[in-house]
Amino acid sequence: MKSRRTGAIIVAFLLSCATVLVLSACASSLDSESGTSSSTAEKSAKSSKKGEGSKLAASIGEYADSILSRGQTSDFQTEILKRTVQEGSMPAGDYENSWSMFKRCMSDKGFPELSYNKTDNGIYDIFVNSEKTPNLTGGLYDNAYSFCILDYFSDVADVYEKQVGNPKLYSVPEEAAVDCLHHMNLVPKNYTLEDFNNEVKGSKGSSFDIKNNAVQECLVPNGIYLLDARK
């Protein structure tokens, strides 16, 4: 399995380095030459119990509230998450507005050309493209990215991506992806989480077409990347 995050992008990488949180190891550095993503889905606060069937929360509103309870969300994103708690869901408009603010922040810091893909169900997958972003040295991009993502997009993206790609809020992203694949009739009825893990770790192909846009709608929101981001 090729995980490009990250939130994004990687968000878990940048978040851990920027705020000294133990969400991921800083040794997992961004690979600018291979199009490593900076997506945010891997950044989520996961349940301590990660067994099959375990949940992050009982609802999207409750999940958003759990993020707010950490006390680390920016003022801009806090207002969005508070509305999500009150209304029980996050409208696409809030996600898009948060994305626009993130892009504006990056542009203001000298990086107007972001590289990203967008799934058909509206999820942004940011990745590093050294051809479009040549001034990656000296930590300038990482510093700008960390500041902008934490101020405008990381927590909003976390919640919205769960809402879109993992509405049952499974603690294990792969389980959420398999549930989505079943829901969209993209795999056989007897297809299991074990089947999925065996296929993505192996080299014999999979039971589904990874180039299918509908498949990507199940994988990308859950931080699972089986395609080169640049293609």
Protein backbone atom coordinates (compact mmCIF):
# COMPACT_ATOMS: atom_id res chain seq x y z
CA MET A 1 0.00 0.00 0.00
CA LYS A 2 1.35 3.40 -0.92
CA SER A 3 0.38 6.05 1.59
CA ARG A 4 1.15 9.56 0.37
CA ARG A 5 0.01 11.56 3.33
CA THR A 6 -2.07 14.16 4.69
CA GLY A 7 -4.01 15.13 5.23
CA ALA A 8 -1.20 15.74 2.27
CA ILE A 9 -0.14 16.52 3.02
CA ILE A 10 2.21 14.37 4.84
CA VAL A 11 -0.21 16.08 7.44
CA ALA A 12 0.68 13.54 10.10
CA PHE A 13 4.36 14.19 9.37
CA LEU A 14 4.05 17.94 9.47
CA LEU A 15 1.67 17.97 12.42
CA SER A 16 3.98 15.80 14.49
CA CYS A 17 7.00 17.94 13.62
CA ALA A 18 5.17 21.25 14.06
CA THR A 19 3.33 20.58 17.30
CA VAL A 20 5.42 17.81 18.85
CA LEU A 21 2.46 15.44 18.84
CA VAL A 22 3.12 11.74 18.69
CA LEU A 23 0.88 11.07 15.71
CA SER A 24 3.63 9.87 13.38
CA ALA A 25 7.39 9.58 13.21
CA CYS A 26 9.31 12.42 11.66
CA ALA A 27 11.52 9.88 9.98
CA SER A 28 8.80 9.49 7.36
CA SER A 29 10.04 12.41 5.30
CA LEU A 30 8.30 13.86 2.25
CA ASP A 31 9.46 12.43 -1.09
CA SER A 32 9.29 15.36 -3.46
CA GLU A 33 10.67 13.44 -6.41
CA SER A 34 8.07 10.67 -6.35
CA GLY A 35 5.06 12.90 -5.85
CA THR A 36 4.54 12.11 -2.19
CA SER A 37 1.19 13.37 -1.00
CA SER A 38 0.53 15.79 1.78
CA SER A 39 -3.05 14.70 2.31
CA THR A 40 -4.80 14.93 5.73
CA ALA A 41 -6.78 11.76 6.35
CA GLU A 42 -3.95 9.95 8.17
CA LYS A 43 -3.79 12.76 10.70
CA SER A 44 -7.00 11.81 12.47
CA ALA A 45 -7.15 11.11 16.18
CA LYS A 46 -7.62 7.36 16.16
CA SER A 47 -9.23 5.24 18.80
CA SER A 48 -6.85 3.43 21.13
CA LYS A 49 -8.69 0.26 20.19
CA LYS A 50 -8.12 -0.48 16.54
CA GLY A 51 -9.69 -3.89 16.24
CA GLU A 52 -12.02 -4.70 13.38
CA GLY A 53 -15.38 -2.98 13.89
CA SER A 54 -14.12 -0.42 16.41
CA LYS A 55 -15.27 3.17 15.92
CA LEU A 56 -13.74 6.61 16.32
CA ALA A 57 -17.03 8.09 17.54
CA ALA A 58 -20.78 7.53 17.41
CA SER A 59 -21.41 10.35 14.92
CA ILE A 60 -19.65 12.98 12.84
CA GLY A 61 -20.72 15.64 15.33
CA GLU A 62 -19.22 13.65 18.18
CA TYR A 63 -16.02 13.12 16.21
CA ALA A 64 -15.73 16.85 15.51
CA ASP A 65 -16.28 17.54 19.20
CA SER A 66 -13.50 15.11 20.11
CA ILE A 67 -11.10 17.10 17.93
CA LEU A 68 -12.18 20.36 19.54
CA SER A 69 -11.65 18.86 22.97
CA ARG A 70 -7.93 18.54 22.27
CA GLY A 71 -7.72 22.33 22.35
CA GLN A 72 -5.35 22.55 19.39
CA THR A 73 -7.68 23.66 16.61
CA SER A 74 -7.16 27.10 15.07
CA ASP A 75 -9.80 29.80 15.57
CA PHE A 76 -10.83 29.64 11.91
CA GLN A 77 -11.39 25.88 11.97
CA THR A 78 -12.94 25.94 15.43
CA GLU A 79 -15.92 27.91 14.15
CA ILE A 80 -16.50 25.34 11.40
CA LEU A 81 -16.20 22.38 13.75
CA LYS A 82 -18.53 23.99 16.28
CA ARG A 83 -21.18 24.28 13.55
CA THR A 84 -20.55 20.65 12.66
CA VAL A 85 -21.15 19.62 16.27
CA GLN A 86 -24.38 21.62 16.40
CA GLU A 87 -25.71 20.50 13.01
CA GLY A 88 -24.38 16.94 13.04
CA SER A 89 -22.65 17.22 9.67
CA MET A 90 -20.33 19.47 7.68
CA PRO A 91 -21.56 21.02 4.41
CA ALA A 92 -19.27 20.80 1.40
CA GLY A 93 -19.16 24.60 1.35
CA ASP A 94 -17.28 24.71 4.65
CA TYR A 95 -14.73 22.23 3.34
CA GLU A 96 -14.29 24.21 0.11
CA ASN A 97 -13.95 27.49 1.99
CA SER A 98 -11.32 25.96 4.24
CA TRP A 99 -9.46 24.69 1.17
CA SER A 100 -9.58 28.12 -0.45
CA MET A 101 -8.16 29.76 2.66
CA PHE A 102 -5.37 27.18 2.78
CA LYS A 103 -4.48 27.83 -0.88
CA ARG A 104 -4.51 31.60 -0.32
CA CYS A 105 -2.22 31.20 2.68
CA MET A 106 0.23 29.09 0.65
CA SER A 107 0.16 31.64 -2.16
CA ASP A 108 0.84 34.48 0.27
CA LYS A 109 3.88 32.56 1.48
CA GLY A 110 5.28 32.18 -2.02
CA PHE A 111 3.75 28.89 -3.17
CA PRO A 112 0.88 29.77 -5.53
CA GLU A 113 1.08 26.56 -7.59
CA LEU A 114 -0.11 23.65 -5.47
CA SER A 115 -0.17 20.16 -6.95
CA TYR A 116 -3.28 18.16 -6.13
CA ASN A 117 -5.88 15.77 -7.40
CA LYS A 118 -9.57 15.89 -6.54
CA THR A 119 -11.77 12.83 -6.33
CA ASP A 120 -15.24 12.78 -7.84
CA ASN A 121 -16.71 12.99 -4.34
CA GLY A 122 -14.81 16.21 -3.71
CA ILE A 123 -11.75 15.25 -1.65
CA TYR A 124 -8.48 17.09 -2.26
CA ASP A 125 -5.25 15.11 -2.32
CA ILE A 126 -2.22 17.39 -2.11
CA PHE A 127 1.17 16.14 -3.21
CA VAL A 128 4.61 17.59 -3.76
CA ASN A 129 5.67 18.07 -7.38
CA SER A 130 9.24 19.33 -7.63
CA GLU A 131 8.65 20.53 -11.20
CA LYS A 132 5.81 22.86 -10.20
CA THR A 133 7.34 23.76 -6.85
CA PRO A 134 11.09 24.11 -7.45
CA ASN A 135 11.95 26.06 -4.28
CA LEU A 136 11.52 23.14 -1.88
CA THR A 137 14.94 23.41 -0.27
CA GLY A 138 15.73 25.03 3.05
CA GLY A 139 12.46 23.96 4.64
CA LEU A 140 10.56 26.93 3.18
CA TYR A 141 7.80 24.80 1.69
CA ASP A 142 7.48 22.58 4.77
CA ASN A 143 7.28 25.60 7.07
CA ALA A 144 4.66 27.32 4.91
CA TYR A 145 2.69 24.13 4.49
CA SER A 146 2.72 23.35 8.20
CA PHE A 147 1.56 26.86 9.13
CA CYS A 148 -1.21 27.04 6.51
CA ILE A 149 -2.55 23.51 6.91
CA LEU A 150 -2.79 23.83 10.68
CA ASP A 151 -4.42 27.25 10.51
CA TYR A 152 -6.96 26.59 7.79
CA PHE A 153 -7.45 23.00 6.67
CA SER A 154 -6.16 20.04 8.69
CA ASP A 155 -9.00 19.50 11.18
CA VAL A 156 -11.76 20.51 8.78
CA ALA A 157 -10.39 18.09 6.20
CA ASP A 158 -10.08 15.36 8.80
CA VAL A 159 -13.77 15.58 9.72
CA TYR A 160 -15.08 16.07 6.19
CA GLU A 161 -13.04 13.21 4.76
CA LYS A 162 -14.46 10.93 7.46
CA GLN A 163 -17.96 12.12 6.64
CA VAL A 164 -17.50 11.38 2.94
CA GLY A 165 -15.35 8.25 2.93
CA ASN A 166 -15.90 6.74 6.37
CA PRO A 167 -19.41 7.67 7.53
CA LYS A 168 -19.51 4.72 9.94
CA LEU A 169 -16.34 6.12 11.52
CA TYR A 170 -14.32 2.92 11.58
CA SER A 171 -11.06 3.28 13.48
CA VAL A 172 -9.19 1.32 10.82
CA PRO A 173 -9.04 3.20 7.48
CA GLU A 174 -8.76 -0.02 5.48
CA GLU A 175 -11.98 -1.30 7.02
CA ALA A 176 -13.72 1.93 6.03
CA ALA A 177 -12.41 1.56 2.48
CA VAL A 178 -13.68 -2.01 2.22
CA ASP A 179 -17.09 -0.96 3.56
CA CYS A 180 -17.22 1.78 0.92
CA LEU A 181 -16.20 -0.64 -1.86
CA HIS A 182 -19.04 -2.95 -0.80
CA HIS A 183 -21.51 -0.07 -0.60
CA MET A 184 -20.66 0.92 -4.17
CA ASN A 185 -20.76 -2.72 -5.38
CA LEU A 186 -17.13 -2.58 -6.49
CA VAL A 187 -16.07 -5.87 -4.86
CA PRO A 188 -17.72 -9.29 -4.40
CA LYS A 189 -20.07 -9.69 -1.45
CA ASN A 190 -17.67 -12.09 0.27
CA TYR A 191 -14.73 -9.70 -0.05
CA THR A 192 -13.13 -9.11 3.34
CA LEU A 193 -10.74 -6.75 5.08
CA GLU A 194 -8.18 -9.54 5.06
CA ASP A 195 -8.58 -9.86 1.29
CA PHE A 196 -8.01 -6.13 0.90
CA ASN A 197 -4.89 -6.08 3.06
CA ASN A 198 -3.43 -9.09 1.28
CA GLU A 199 -4.06 -7.55 -2.13
CA VAL A 200 -2.67 -4.09 -1.47
CA LYS A 201 0.45 -5.53 0.16
CA GLY A 202 1.02 -8.02 -2.65
CA SER A 203 1.91 -7.70 -6.32
CA LYS A 204 -0.73 -9.91 -7.93
CA GLY A 205 -3.28 -7.19 -8.50
CA SER A 206 -6.59 -6.58 -6.77
CA SER A 207 -10.24 -7.53 -7.04
CA PHE A 208 -11.07 -3.97 -8.06
CA ASP A 209 -9.78 -1.55 -10.68
CA ILE A 210 -7.64 0.99 -8.85
CA LYS A 211 -7.96 3.40 -11.79
CA ASN A 212 -11.73 3.43 -11.41
CA ASN A 213 -12.83 6.86 -10.16
CA ALA A 214 -15.39 5.26 -7.86
CA VAL A 215 -12.66 3.15 -6.27
CA GLN A 216 -10.60 6.27 -5.64
CA GLU A 217 -13.63 7.80 -3.90
CA CYS A 218 -13.33 4.99 -1.34
CA LEU A 219 -9.56 4.98 -0.99
CA VAL A 220 -8.41 8.61 -1.02
CA PRO A 221 -10.70 9.92 1.77
CA ASN A 222 -9.32 7.12 3.92
CA GLY A 223 -5.69 7.99 3.20
CA ILE A 224 -5.04 4.97 1.01
CA TYR A 225 -3.11 5.61 -2.21
CA LEU A 226 -2.45 2.96 -4.82
CA LEU A 227 -1.81 5.33 -7.73
CA ASP A 228 1.01 7.75 -8.45
CA ALA A 229 -0.36 11.17 -7.48
CA ARG A 230 1.17 12.79 -10.54
CA LYS A 231 -0.77 10.67 -13.06
